[in-house]
C-alpha atoms as a PDB file:
ATOM      1  CA  MET A   1     -19.199 -10.241 123.799  1.00  0.00           C
ATOM      2  CA  LEU A   2     -22.048  -8.028 124.950  1.00  0.00           C
ATOM      3  CA  ARG A   3     -19.570  -5.409 126.173  1.00  0.00           C
ATOM      4  CA  VAL A   4     -17.722  -5.408 122.810  1.00  0.00           C
ATOM      5  CA  ALA A   5     -20.982  -5.158 120.882  1.00  0.00           C
ATOM      6  CA  SER A   6     -22.224  -2.312 123.021  1.00  0.00           C
ATOM      7  CA  ALA A   7     -18.923  -0.478 122.613  1.00  0.00           C
ATOM      8  CA  MET A   8     -19.091  -0.793 118.815  1.00  0.00           C
ATOM      9  CA  ILE A   9     -22.698   0.467 118.730  1.00  0.00           C
ATOM     10  CA  ALA A  10     -21.754   3.432 120.869  1.00  0.00           C
ATOM     11  CA  SER A  11     -18.810   4.327 118.626  1.00  0.00           C
ATOM     12  CA  LEU A  12     -20.991   4.143 115.487  1.00  0.00           C
ATOM     13  CA  ALA A  13     -23.591   6.371 117.081  1.00  0.00           C
ATOM     14  CA  ILE A  14     -20.918   8.943 117.944  1.00  0.00           C
ATOM     15  CA  LEU A  15     -19.625   8.926 114.332  1.00  0.00           C
ATOM     16  CA  THR A  16     -23.108   9.397 112.873  1.00  0.00           C
ATOM     17  CA  LEU A  17     -23.704  12.375 115.130  1.00  0.00           C
ATOM     18  CA  ALA A  18     -20.319  13.906 114.331  1.00  0.00           C
ATOM     19  CA  VAL A  19     -20.728  13.909 110.529  1.00  0.00           C
ATOM     20  CA  PRO A  20     -23.915  16.098 110.340  1.00  0.00           C
ATOM     21  CA  SER A  21     -22.478  18.497 112.872  1.00  0.00           C
ATOM     22  CA  SER A  22     -19.285  18.935 110.774  1.00  0.00           C
ATOM     23  CA  ALA A  23     -21.363  19.492 107.621  1.00  0.00           C
ATOM     24  CA  GLN A  24     -23.399  22.179 109.355  1.00  0.00           C
ATOM     25  CA  GLN A  25     -20.369  24.106 110.661  1.00  0.00           C
ATOM     26  CA  PRO A  26     -19.480  25.919 107.330  1.00  0.00           C
ATOM     27  CA  ALA A  27     -23.052  27.087 106.958  1.00  0.00           C
ATOM     28  CA  ALA A  28     -23.118  28.661 110.377  1.00  0.00           C
ATOM     29  CA  PRO A  29     -21.052  31.783 109.509  1.00  0.00           C
ATOM     30  CA  ALA A  30     -23.254  32.421 106.475  1.00  0.00           C
ATOM     31  CA  ALA A  31     -26.356  32.243 108.617  1.00  0.00           C
ATOM     32  CA  GLN A  32     -24.879  34.532 111.221  1.00  0.00           C
ATOM     33  CA  PRO A  33     -24.913  37.649 108.988  1.00  0.00           C
ATOM     34  CA  GLN A  34     -28.574  37.015 108.240  1.00  0.00           C
ATOM     35  CA  SER A  35     -29.385  36.860 111.928  1.00  0.00           C
ATOM     36  CA  GLN A  36     -27.457  40.071 112.413  1.00  0.00           C
ATOM     37  CA  ALA A  37     -29.182  41.728 109.467  1.00  0.00           C
ATOM     38  CA  ALA A  38     -32.643  41.070 110.915  1.00  0.00           C
ATOM     39  CA  PRO A  39     -32.156  43.322 113.955  1.00  0.00           C
ATOM     40  CA  ALA A  40     -30.731  45.965 111.699  1.00  0.00           C
ATOM     41  CA  GLN A  41     -33.911  45.990 109.652  1.00  0.00           C
ATOM     42  CA  SER A  42     -36.126  46.012 112.714  1.00  0.00           C
ATOM     43  CA  GLN A  43     -34.198  48.946 114.200  1.00  0.00           C
ATOM     44  CA  PRO A  44     -33.828  51.550 111.378  1.00  0.00           C
ATOM     45  CA  LEU A  45     -32.870  54.282 113.889  1.00  0.00           C
ATOM     46  CA  ALA A  46     -29.842  52.380 115.123  1.00  0.00           C
ATOM     47  CA  PRO A  47     -26.521  54.238 115.018  1.00  0.00           C
ATOM     48  CA  PRO A  48     -24.290  53.663 111.976  1.00  0.00           C
ATOM     49  CA  ALA A  49     -21.710  51.971 114.159  1.00  0.00           C
ATOM     50  CA  ALA A  50     -24.037  48.987 114.581  1.00  0.00           C
ATOM     51  CA  ALA A  51     -24.164  48.441 110.818  1.00  0.00           C
ATOM     52  CA  ALA A  52     -20.393  48.663 110.394  1.00  0.00           C
ATOM     53  CA  PRO A  53     -19.734  44.962 111.172  1.00  0.00           C
ATOM     54  CA  GLN A  54     -22.062  44.011 108.323  1.00  0.00           C
ATOM     55  CA  ALA A  55     -19.819  45.597 105.642  1.00  0.00           C
ATOM     56  CA  PRO A  56     -17.095  42.958 105.718  1.00  0.00           C
ATOM     57  CA  ALA A  57     -19.691  40.208 105.485  1.00  0.00           C
ATOM     58  CA  ALA A  58     -21.408  41.877 102.519  1.00  0.00           C
ATOM     59  CA  ALA A  59     -18.085  42.477 100.819  1.00  0.00           C
ATOM     60  CA  ALA A  60     -17.130  38.884 101.374  1.00  0.00           C
ATOM     61  CA  ALA A  61     -20.469  37.607 100.069  1.00  0.00           C
ATOM     62  CA  ALA A  62     -20.562  39.783  96.912  1.00  0.00           C
ATOM     63  CA  PRO A  63     -18.078  38.923  94.108  1.00  0.00           C
ATOM     64  CA  THR A  64     -15.523  41.649  93.437  1.00  0.00           C
ATOM     65  CA  PRO A  65     -15.314  43.354  90.011  1.00  0.00           C
ATOM     66  CA  THR A  66     -11.677  42.339  89.793  1.00  0.00           C
ATOM     67  CA  ALA A  67     -12.629  38.695  90.036  1.00  0.00           C
ATOM     68  CA  LEU A  68     -15.276  39.128  87.358  1.00  0.00           C
ATOM     69  CA  ASP A  69     -12.856  40.928  85.079  1.00  0.00           C
ATOM     70  CA  ALA A  70     -10.245  38.241  85.648  1.00  0.00           C
ATOM     71  CA  SER A  71     -12.741  35.517  84.800  1.00  0.00           C
ATOM     72  CA  THR A  72     -13.845  37.231  81.609  1.00  0.00           C
ATOM     73  CA  ALA A  73     -10.404  38.571  80.552  1.00  0.00           C
ATOM     74  CA  PRO A  74      -9.065  35.376  78.874  1.00  0.00           C
ATOM     75  CA  ALA A  75     -12.002  35.211  76.514  1.00  0.00           C
ATOM     76  CA  GLY A  76     -11.540  38.841  75.427  1.00  0.00           C
ATOM     77  CA  GLY A  77      -7.769  38.361  75.045  1.00  0.00           C
ATOM     78  CA  GLU A  78      -8.234  35.291  72.900  1.00  0.00           C
ATOM     79  CA  GLY A  79     -10.703  37.189  70.705  1.00  0.00           C
ATOM     80  CA  LYS A  80      -8.253  40.036  70.205  1.00  0.00           C
ATOM     81  CA  LEU A  81      -5.463  37.574  69.400  1.00  0.00           C
ATOM     82  CA  LEU A  82      -7.605  35.789  66.832  1.00  0.00           C
ATOM     83  CA  LYS A  83      -8.675  39.089  65.342  1.00  0.00           C
ATOM     84  CA  SER A  84      -5.091  40.325  65.021  1.00  0.00           C
ATOM     85  CA  SER A  85      -3.923  37.037  63.519  1.00  0.00           C
ATOM     86  CA  SER A  86      -6.765  37.025  60.979  1.00  0.00           C
ATOM     87  CA  THR A  87      -5.932  40.636  60.077  1.00  0.00           C
ATOM     88  CA  GLY A  88      -2.282  39.657  59.580  1.00  0.00           C
ATOM     89  CA  LEU A  89      -3.281  36.777  57.335  1.00  0.00           C
ATOM     90  CA  ARG A  90      -5.399  39.076  55.216  1.00  0.00           C
ATOM     91  CA  GLU A  91      -2.546  41.558  54.906  1.00  0.00           C
ATOM     92  CA  LEU A  92      -0.059  38.960  53.574  1.00  0.00           C
ATOM     93  CA  SER A  93      -0.883  39.607  49.912  1.00  0.00           C
ATOM     94  CA  PRO A  94       1.788  40.112  47.220  1.00  0.00           C
ATOM     95  CA  TRP A  95       0.972  43.814  46.886  1.00  0.00           C
ATOM     96  CA  ASN A  96       1.141  44.451  50.635  1.00  0.00           C
ATOM     97  CA  MET A  97       4.350  42.445  50.888  1.00  0.00           C
ATOM     98  CA  PHE A  98       5.835  44.596  48.116  1.00  0.00           C
ATOM     99  CA  LEU A  99       4.778  47.821  49.861  1.00  0.00           C
ATOM    100  CA  ASN A 100       6.226  46.686  53.209  1.00  0.00           C
ATOM    101  CA  ALA A 101       9.504  45.413  51.748  1.00  0.00           C
ATOM    102  CA  ASP A 102      12.898  47.101  52.069  1.00  0.00           C
ATOM    103  CA  ILE A 103      13.879  49.696  49.447  1.00  0.00           C
ATOM    104  CA  ILE A 104      16.559  47.431  47.945  1.00  0.00           C
ATOM    105  CA  VAL A 105      14.135  44.489  47.756  1.00  0.00           C
ATOM    106  CA  LYS A 106      11.610  46.788  46.088  1.00  0.00           C
ATOM    107  CA  ALA A 107      14.207  47.841  43.512  1.00  0.00           C
ATOM    108  CA  VAL A 108      14.989  44.174  42.792  1.00  0.00           C
ATOM    109  CA  MET A 109      11.296  43.362  42.342  1.00  0.00           C
ATOM    110  CA  ILE A 110      10.730  46.320  40.016  1.00  0.00           C
ATOM    111  CA  GLY A 111      13.760  45.384  37.921  1.00  0.00           C
ATOM    112  CA  LEU A 112      12.596  41.778  37.605  1.00  0.00           C
ATOM    113  CA  ALA A 113       9.084  42.877  36.670  1.00  0.00           C
ATOM    114  CA  PHE A 114      10.556  45.126  33.964  1.00  0.00           C
ATOM    115  CA  ALA A 115      12.703  42.216  32.711  1.00  0.00           C
ATOM    116  CA  SER A 116       9.588  40.051  32.471  1.00  0.00           C
ATOM    117  CA  LEU A 117       7.836  42.796  30.480  1.00  0.00           C
ATOM    118  CA  VAL A 118      10.822  42.999  28.113  1.00  0.00           C
ATOM    119  CA  THR A 119      10.738  39.212  27.660  1.00  0.00           C
ATOM    120  CA  TRP A 120       7.122  39.168  26.539  1.00  0.00           C
ATOM    121  CA  THR A 121       7.647  42.228  24.314  1.00  0.00           C
ATOM    122  CA  VAL A 122      10.555  40.526  22.536  1.00  0.00           C
ATOM    123  CA  PHE A 123       8.486  37.360  22.209  1.00  0.00           C
ATOM    124  CA  ILE A 124       5.615  39.142  20.466  1.00  0.00           C
ATOM    125  CA  ALA A 125       7.895  41.212  18.199  1.00  0.00           C
ATOM    126  CA  LYS A 126      10.122  38.295  17.158  1.00  0.00           C
ATOM    127  CA  MET A 127       7.158  35.997  16.567  1.00  0.00           C
ATOM    128  CA  ILE A 128       5.623  38.508  14.160  1.00  0.00           C
ATOM    129  CA  GLU A 129       8.969  39.184  12.459  1.00  0.00           C
ATOM    130  CA  LEU A 130       9.896  35.517  11.966  1.00  0.00           C
ATOM    131  CA  THR A 131       6.449  34.648  10.684  1.00  0.00           C
ATOM    132  CA  VAL A 132       6.567  37.470   8.108  1.00  0.00           C
ATOM    133  CA  VAL A 133      10.113  36.844   6.814  1.00  0.00           C
ATOM    134  CA  GLN A 134       9.647  33.071   6.578  1.00  0.00           C
ATOM    135  CA  GLY A 135       6.453  33.434   4.586  1.00  0.00           C
ATOM    136  CA  LYS A 136       8.006  36.042   2.301  1.00  0.00           C
ATOM    137  CA  LEU A 137      11.115  33.940   1.612  1.00  0.00           C
ATOM    138  CA  ARG A 138       9.093  30.782   0.877  1.00  0.00           C
ATOM    139  CA  ARG A 139       6.930  32.678  -1.630  1.00  0.00           C
ATOM    140  CA  ALA A 140      10.029  34.172  -3.265  1.00  0.00           C
ATOM    141  CA  LEU A 141      11.645  30.751  -3.674  1.00  0.00           C
ATOM    142  CA  ALA A 142       8.449  29.447  -5.248  1.00  0.00           C
ATOM    143  CA  LYS A 143       8.380  32.342  -7.746  1.00  0.00           C
ATOM    144  CA  ILE A 144      11.924  31.820  -9.071  1.00  0.00           C
ATOM    145  CA  GLY A 145      11.609  28.054  -9.285  1.00  0.00           C
ATOM    146  CA  GLU A 146      11.077  28.226 -13.086  1.00  0.00           C
ATOM    147  CA  SER A 147      13.370  31.170 -13.830  1.00  0.00           C
ATOM    148  CA  ARG A 148      16.164  30.539 -16.360  1.00  0.00           C
ATOM    149  CA  SER A 149      18.360  33.544 -15.619  1.00  0.00           C
ATOM    150  CA  LEU A 150      19.042  36.209 -13.007  1.00  0.00           C
ATOM    151  CA  ALA A 151      17.120  38.772 -15.019  1.00  0.00           C
ATOM    152  CA  GLU A 152      14.000  36.597 -15.110  1.00  0.00           C
ATOM    153  CA  ALA A 153      14.256  35.917 -11.392  1.00  0.00           C
ATOM    154  CA  GLN A 154      14.605  39.598 -10.602  1.00  0.00           C
ATOM    155  CA  PHE A 155      11.614  40.381 -12.796  1.00  0.00           C
ATOM    156  CA  ALA A 156       9.559  37.676 -11.066  1.00  0.00           C
ATOM    157  CA  LEU A 157      10.364  38.959  -7.601  1.00  0.00           C
ATOM    158  CA  GLY A 158       9.628  42.580  -8.443  1.00  0.00           C
ATOM    159  CA  ALA A 159      10.311  45.283  -5.904  1.00  0.00           C
ATOM    160  CA  LYS A 160       9.476  43.123  -2.897  1.00  0.00           C
ATOM    161  CA  GLY A 161      12.354  43.245  -0.458  1.00  0.00           C
ATOM    162  CA  SER A 162      13.616  39.872   0.707  1.00  0.00           C
ATOM    163  CA  VAL A 163      16.959  38.243   1.302  1.00  0.00           C
ATOM    164  CA  LEU A 164      16.602  36.396  -2.023  1.00  0.00           C
ATOM    165  CA  SER A 165      16.374  39.737  -3.827  1.00  0.00           C
ATOM    166  CA  SER A 166      19.625  40.727  -2.123  1.00  0.00           C
ATOM    167  CA  PHE A 167      21.302  37.525  -3.337  1.00  0.00           C
ATOM    168  CA  ILE A 168      20.164  38.059  -6.927  1.00  0.00           C
ATOM    169  CA  ALA A 169      21.222  41.702  -6.878  1.00  0.00           C
ATOM    170  CA  ALA A 170      24.679  40.730  -5.571  1.00  0.00           C
ATOM    171  CA  ALA A 171      25.054  38.070  -8.300  1.00  0.00           C
ATOM    172  CA  MET A 172      24.102  40.486 -11.054  1.00  0.00           C
ATOM    173  CA  ARG A 173      26.443  43.145  -9.692  1.00  0.00           C
ATOM    174  CA  GLU A 174      29.343  40.665  -9.599  1.00  0.00           C
ATOM    175  CA  GLY A 175      28.613  39.562 -13.172  1.00  0.00           C
ATOM    176  CA  ARG A 176      28.575  43.168 -14.332  1.00  0.00           C
ATOM    177  CA  LEU A 177      31.809  44.032 -12.539  1.00  0.00           C
ATOM    178  CA  SER A 178      33.505  40.872 -13.870  1.00  0.00           C
ATOM    179  CA  ALA A 179      32.650  41.573 -17.516  1.00  0.00           C
ATOM    180  CA  GLY A 180      35.487  40.578 -19.842  1.00  0.00           C
ATOM    181  CA  ILE A 181      36.912  38.003 -17.429  1.00  0.00           C
ATOM    182  CA  SER A 182      36.863  34.493 -18.824  1.00  0.00           C
ATOM    183  CA  SER A 183      37.396  32.685 -15.510  1.00  0.00           C
ATOM    184  CA  ASP A 184      34.037  31.389 -14.267  1.00  0.00           C
ATOM    185  CA  SER A 185      35.501  30.019 -11.067  1.00  0.00           C
ATOM    186  CA  GLY A 186      36.709  33.472  -9.999  1.00  0.00           C
ATOM    187  CA  ILE A 187      33.304  35.030 -10.596  1.00  0.00           C
ATOM    188  CA  LYS A 188      31.516  32.264  -8.669  1.00  0.00           C
ATOM    189  CA  GLU A 189      33.983  32.521  -5.797  1.00  0.00           C
ATOM    190  CA  ARG A 190      33.512  36.266  -5.473  1.00  0.00           C
ATOM    191  CA  ALA A 191      29.730  35.854  -5.707  1.00  0.00           C
ATOM    192  CA  ALA A 192      29.816  33.152  -3.006  1.00  0.00           C
ATOM    193  CA  SER A 193      31.771  35.525  -0.755  1.00  0.00           C
ATOM    194  CA  SER A 194      29.074  38.174  -1.245  1.00  0.00           C
ATOM    195  CA  PHE A 195      26.357  35.609  -0.512  1.00  0.00           C
ATOM    196  CA  ALA A 196      28.094  34.618   2.748  1.00  0.00           C
ATOM    197  CA  GLU A 197      28.251  38.236   3.895  1.00  0.00           C
ATOM    198  CA  ILE A 198      24.560  38.710   3.126  1.00  0.00           C
ATOM    199  CA  ALA A 199      23.661  35.498   4.984  1.00  0.00           C
ATOM    200  CA  HIS A 200      25.701  36.505   8.052  1.00  0.00           C
ATOM    201  CA  ALA A 201      24.107  39.946   8.103  1.00  0.00           C
ATOM    202  CA  GLU A 202      20.653  38.361   7.896  1.00  0.00           C
ATOM    203  CA  ALA A 203      21.504  35.964  10.738  1.00  0.00           C
ATOM    204  CA  ARG A 204      22.644  38.858  12.923  1.00  0.00           C
ATOM    205  CA  ARG A 205      19.500  40.809  12.113  1.00  0.00           C
ATOM    206  CA  ILE A 206      17.150  37.950  12.859  1.00  0.00           C
ATOM    207  CA  ARG A 207      18.873  37.201  16.176  1.00  0.00           C
ATOM    208  CA  VAL A 208      18.402  40.716  17.529  1.00  0.00           C
ATOM    209  CA  GLY A 209      16.764  40.441  20.966  1.00  0.00           C
ATOM    210  CA  MET A 210      17.672  36.808  21.574  1.00  0.00           C
ATOM    211  CA  GLY A 211      20.795  37.800  23.495  1.00  0.00           C
ATOM    212  CA  LEU A 212      18.576  39.832  25.815  1.00  0.00           C
ATOM    213  CA  LEU A 213      16.386  36.794  26.400  1.00  0.00           C
ATOM    214  CA  ALA A 214      19.437  34.699  27.215  1.00  0.00           C
ATOM    215  CA  THR A 215      20.692  37.317  29.681  1.00  0.00           C
ATOM    216  CA  ILE A 216      17.325  37.580  31.434  1.00  0.00           C
ATOM    217  CA  GLY A 217      16.948  33.811  31.657  1.00  0.00           C
ATOM    218  CA  ALA A 218      20.440  33.361  33.080  1.00  0.00           C
ATOM    219  CA  THR A 219      20.580  36.234  35.594  1.00  0.00           C
ATOM    220  CA  SER A 220      17.006  36.689  36.867  1.00  0.00           C
ATOM    221  CA  PRO A 221      17.125  33.823  39.414  1.00  0.00           C
ATOM    222  CA  PHE A 222      20.344  35.188  40.907  1.00  0.00           C
ATOM    223  CA  VAL A 223      18.991  38.732  41.062  1.00  0.00           C
ATOM    224  CA  GLY A 224      15.891  37.430  42.846  1.00  0.00           C
ATOM    225  CA  LEU A 225      18.101  35.430  45.205  1.00  0.00           C
ATOM    226  CA  PHE A 226      20.028  38.599  46.037  1.00  0.00           C
ATOM    227  CA  GLY A 227      16.764  40.309  47.001  1.00  0.00           C
ATOM    228  CA  THR A 228      15.788  37.303  49.120  1.00  0.00           C
ATOM    229  CA  VAL A 229      19.112  37.248  50.971  1.00  0.00           C
ATOM    230  CA  TRP A 230      18.891  40.966  51.643  1.00  0.00           C
ATOM    231  CA  GLY A 231      15.313  40.694  52.907  1.00  0.00           C
ATOM    232  CA  ILE A 232      16.052  37.736  55.195  1.00  0.00           C
ATOM    233  CA  MET A 233      19.066  39.593  56.587  1.00  0.00           C
ATOM    234  CA  ASN A 234      16.817  42.536  57.480  1.00  0.00           C
ATOM    235  CA  SER A 235      14.291  40.120  58.989  1.00  0.00           C
ATOM    236  CA  PHE A 236      16.897  38.614  61.295  1.00  0.00           C
ATOM    237  CA  ILE A 237      18.018  42.089  62.306  1.00  0.00           C
ATOM    238  CA  GLY A 238      14.408  42.895  63.178  1.00  0.00           C
ATOM    239  CA  ILE A 239      14.139  39.654  65.179  1.00  0.00           C
ATOM    240  CA  SER A 240      17.224  40.567  67.195  1.00  0.00           C
ATOM    241  CA  LYS A 241      15.819  44.037  67.923  1.00  0.00           C
ATOM    242  CA  SER A 242      12.359  42.810  68.926  1.00  0.00           C
ATOM    243  CA  GLN A 243      13.851  39.895  70.916  1.00  0.00           C
ATOM    244  CA  THR A 244      11.089  37.517  69.911  1.00  0.00           C
ATOM    245  CA  THR A 245      10.884  34.391  67.815  1.00  0.00           C
ATOM    246  CA  ASN A 246       7.106  34.402  67.408  1.00  0.00           C
ATOM    247  CA  LEU A 247       6.196  33.142  63.939  1.00  0.00           C
ATOM    248  CA  ALA A 248       3.563  35.856  63.521  1.00  0.00           C
ATOM    249  CA  VAL A 249       6.306  38.474  63.887  1.00  0.00           C
ATOM    250  CA  VAL A 250       8.954  36.701  61.813  1.00  0.00           C
ATOM    251  CA  ALA A 251       6.813  35.385  58.919  1.00  0.00           C
ATOM    252  CA  PRO A 252       5.951  38.689  57.116  1.00  0.00           C
ATOM    253  CA  GLY A 253       9.584  39.711  56.628  1.00  0.00           C
ATOM    254  CA  ILE A 254      10.612  36.295  55.355  1.00  0.00           C
ATOM    255  CA  ALA A 255       7.599  36.174  53.025  1.00  0.00           C
ATOM    256  CA  GLU A 256       8.541  39.574  51.576  1.00  0.00           C
ATOM    257  CA  ALA A 257      12.067  38.314  50.970  1.00  0.00           C
ATOM    258  CA  LEU A 258      10.905  35.112  49.284  1.00  0.00           C
ATOM    259  CA  LEU A 259       8.648  37.135  46.982  1.00  0.00           C
ATOM    260  CA  ALA A 260      11.777  38.456  45.228  1.00  0.00           C
ATOM    261  CA  THR A 261      12.890  34.914  44.366  1.00  0.00           C
ATOM    262  CA  ALA A 262       9.397  34.105  43.079  1.00  0.00           C
ATOM    263  CA  ILE A 263       9.415  37.135  40.774  1.00  0.00           C
ATOM    264  CA  GLY A 264      12.905  36.192  39.575  1.00  0.00           C
ATOM    265  CA  LEU A 265      11.689  32.738  38.592  1.00  0.00           C
ATOM    266  CA  VAL A 266       8.628  34.238  36.905  1.00  0.00           C
ATOM    267  CA  ALA A 267      10.968  36.377  34.782  1.00  0.00           C
ATOM    268  CA  ALA A 268      13.567  33.650  34.096  1.00  0.00           C
ATOM    269  CA  ILE A 269      11.477  30.603  33.179  1.00  0.00           C
ATOM    270  CA  PRO A 270       9.550  32.209  30.256  1.00  0.00           C
ATOM    271  CA  ALA A 271      12.765  33.833  28.995  1.00  0.00           C
ATOM    272  CA  VAL A 272      14.549  30.471  28.775  1.00  0.00           C
ATOM    273  CA  ILE A 273      11.584  28.767  27.090  1.00  0.00           C
ATOM    274  CA  ILE A 274      11.135  31.597  24.562  1.00  0.00           C
ATOM    275  CA  TYR A 275      14.870  31.656  23.807  1.00  0.00           C
ATOM    276  CA  ASN A 276      14.914  27.926  23.047  1.00  0.00           C
ATOM    277  CA  HIS A 277      11.835  28.269  20.845  1.00  0.00           C
ATOM    278  CA  PHE A 278      13.314  31.131  18.843  1.00  0.00           C
ATOM    279  CA  SER A 279      16.599  29.248  18.485  1.00  0.00           C
ATOM    280  CA  ARG A 280      14.757  26.447  16.685  1.00  0.00           C
ATOM    281  CA  VAL A 281      12.688  28.835  14.547  1.00  0.00           C
ATOM    282  CA  THR A 282      15.743  30.905  13.632  1.00  0.00           C
ATOM    283  CA  LYS A 283      17.649  27.801  12.627  1.00  0.00           C
ATOM    284  CA  GLY A 284      14.840  26.861  10.240  1.00  0.00           C
ATOM    285  CA  TYR A 285      14.802  30.358   8.761  1.00  0.00           C
ATOM    286  CA  LEU A 286      18.578  30.321   8.214  1.00  0.00           C
ATOM    287  CA  GLU A 287      18.182  27.035   6.339  1.00  0.00           C
ATOM    288  CA  LEU A 288      15.772  28.844   4.019  1.00  0.00           C
ATOM    289  CA  VAL A 289      18.365  31.590   3.597  1.00  0.00           C
ATOM    290  CA  GLY A 290      20.893  28.926   2.589  1.00  0.00           C
ATOM    291  CA  ARG A 291      18.449  27.613   0.006  1.00  0.00           C
ATOM    292  CA  ALA A 292      18.002  31.133  -1.359  1.00  0.00           C
ATOM    293  CA  SER A 293      21.775  31.553  -1.617  1.00  0.00           C
ATOM    294  CA  GLY A 294      22.042  28.284  -3.531  1.00  0.00           C
ATOM    295  CA  ALA A 295      19.247  29.303  -5.905  1.00  0.00           C
ATOM    296  CA  ALA A 296      20.981  32.607  -6.701  1.00  0.00           C
ATOM    297  CA  GLY A 297      24.284  30.785  -7.249  1.00  0.00           C
ATOM    298  CA  ARG A 298      22.681  28.354  -9.710  1.00  0.00           C
ATOM    299  CA  LEU A 299      21.140  31.194 -11.700  1.00  0.00           C
ATOM    300  CA  LEU A 300      24.531  32.927 -11.878  1.00  0.00           C
ATOM    301  CA  SER A 301      26.190  29.723 -13.082  1.00  0.00           C
ATOM    302  CA  ARG A 302      23.580  29.350 -15.850  1.00  0.00           C
ATOM    303  CA  ASP A 303      24.160  32.901 -17.004  1.00  0.00           C
ATOM    304  CA  LEU A 304      27.938  32.390 -17.067  1.00  0.00           C
ATOM    305  CA  ASP A 305      27.680  29.135 -18.997  1.00  0.00           C
ATOM    306  CA  ARG A 306      25.250  30.668 -21.433  1.00  0.00           C
ATOM    307  CA  THR A 307      27.480  33.699 -22.018  1.00  0.00           C
ATOM    308  CA  HIS A 308      30.681  31.716 -22.467  1.00  0.00           C
ATOM    309  CA  GLY A 309      28.934  29.146 -24.636  1.00  0.00           C
ATOM    310  CA  GLY A 310      27.711  31.918 -26.932  1.00  0.00           C
ATOM    311  CA  ASP A 311      31.206  33.351 -27.178  1.00  0.00           C
ATOM    312  CA  VAL A 312      32.661  29.946 -28.095  1.00  0.00           C
ATOM    313  CA  SER A 313      30.039  29.293 -30.794  1.00  0.00           C
ATOM    314  CA  HIS A 314      30.546  32.773 -32.219  1.00  0.00           C
ATOM    315  CA  GLY A 315      34.327  32.214 -32.395  1.00  0.00           C
ATOM    316  CA  ALA A 316      33.860  28.823 -34.093  1.00  0.00           C
ATOM    317  CA  ARG A 317      31.592  30.340 -36.749  1.00  0.00           C
ATOM    318  CA  ALA A 318      34.131  33.104 -37.410  1.00  0.00           C
ATOM    319  CA  ALA A 319      36.972  30.602 -37.817  1.00  0.00           C
ATOM    320  CA  ALA A 320      34.878  28.527 -40.266  1.00  0.00           C
ATOM    321  CA  ALA A 321      34.092  31.593 -42.315  1.00  0.00           C
ATOM    322  CA  GLU A 322      37.784  32.394 -42.675  1.00  0.00           C
END
């Protein structure tokens, strides 16, 4: 037992002595250059060959510029990457995308912008026109509401040009041309034919520009889609040439292509809405035109009945006198 205990104590003592000695071994080479540097300082007139062994130690102790540059390079690279990405984000504006787009995509965008300008021009012009003609026709119908003949109605309307004036003028012209004809039905039929022609001409006139709105609303999305397809095709060609799939490289070209579709929708949606609005307003105005045609027809019928009634009474008085 004593021998085993003594052997264990001896082994522990050996281990405790071995650990400090192993910890001091790495520090020994670092201390050696200092001990060599001291004689060099005490002997300034020593030959340069004696100082030559110190150069490797000094080079090993001092950090190299390459190591410093390598340690600081990632930070600078990340800063440049962030700066370039932020610059790219600032440059992705609609105007810059238009300037950087392909020539065909630019032509598509310009055409769609012009179509949108035409849409709003037609909207303003037709709104003013429909408002004016509807108000004028309503006032004209109110003026002839108490008229007993075509002559009174024409006098009430005056020289103001409206579709009702055209109806009354056509009725009076037909009555003048049909003088001496005793058939009222023939005169009314010919007058109704003239009224229908006037109404159709007025409908064609009031619908001027609406066909353009319909065309813009129907074709603008497809024109914008053509520009998008062309731009994406060029983007994929650029991807194949650059041999990269980085989103920062691919995104600008695709965004420029999608801008054409956006402009197409901007041109098409208002055109469709304005066309539907004018279709309803035009339908209401044509109903007023139908009312004006009916009013002119009633005045013509009164004049015919009054004329033929006078002829009959005059013939009866002549027969009684005989």
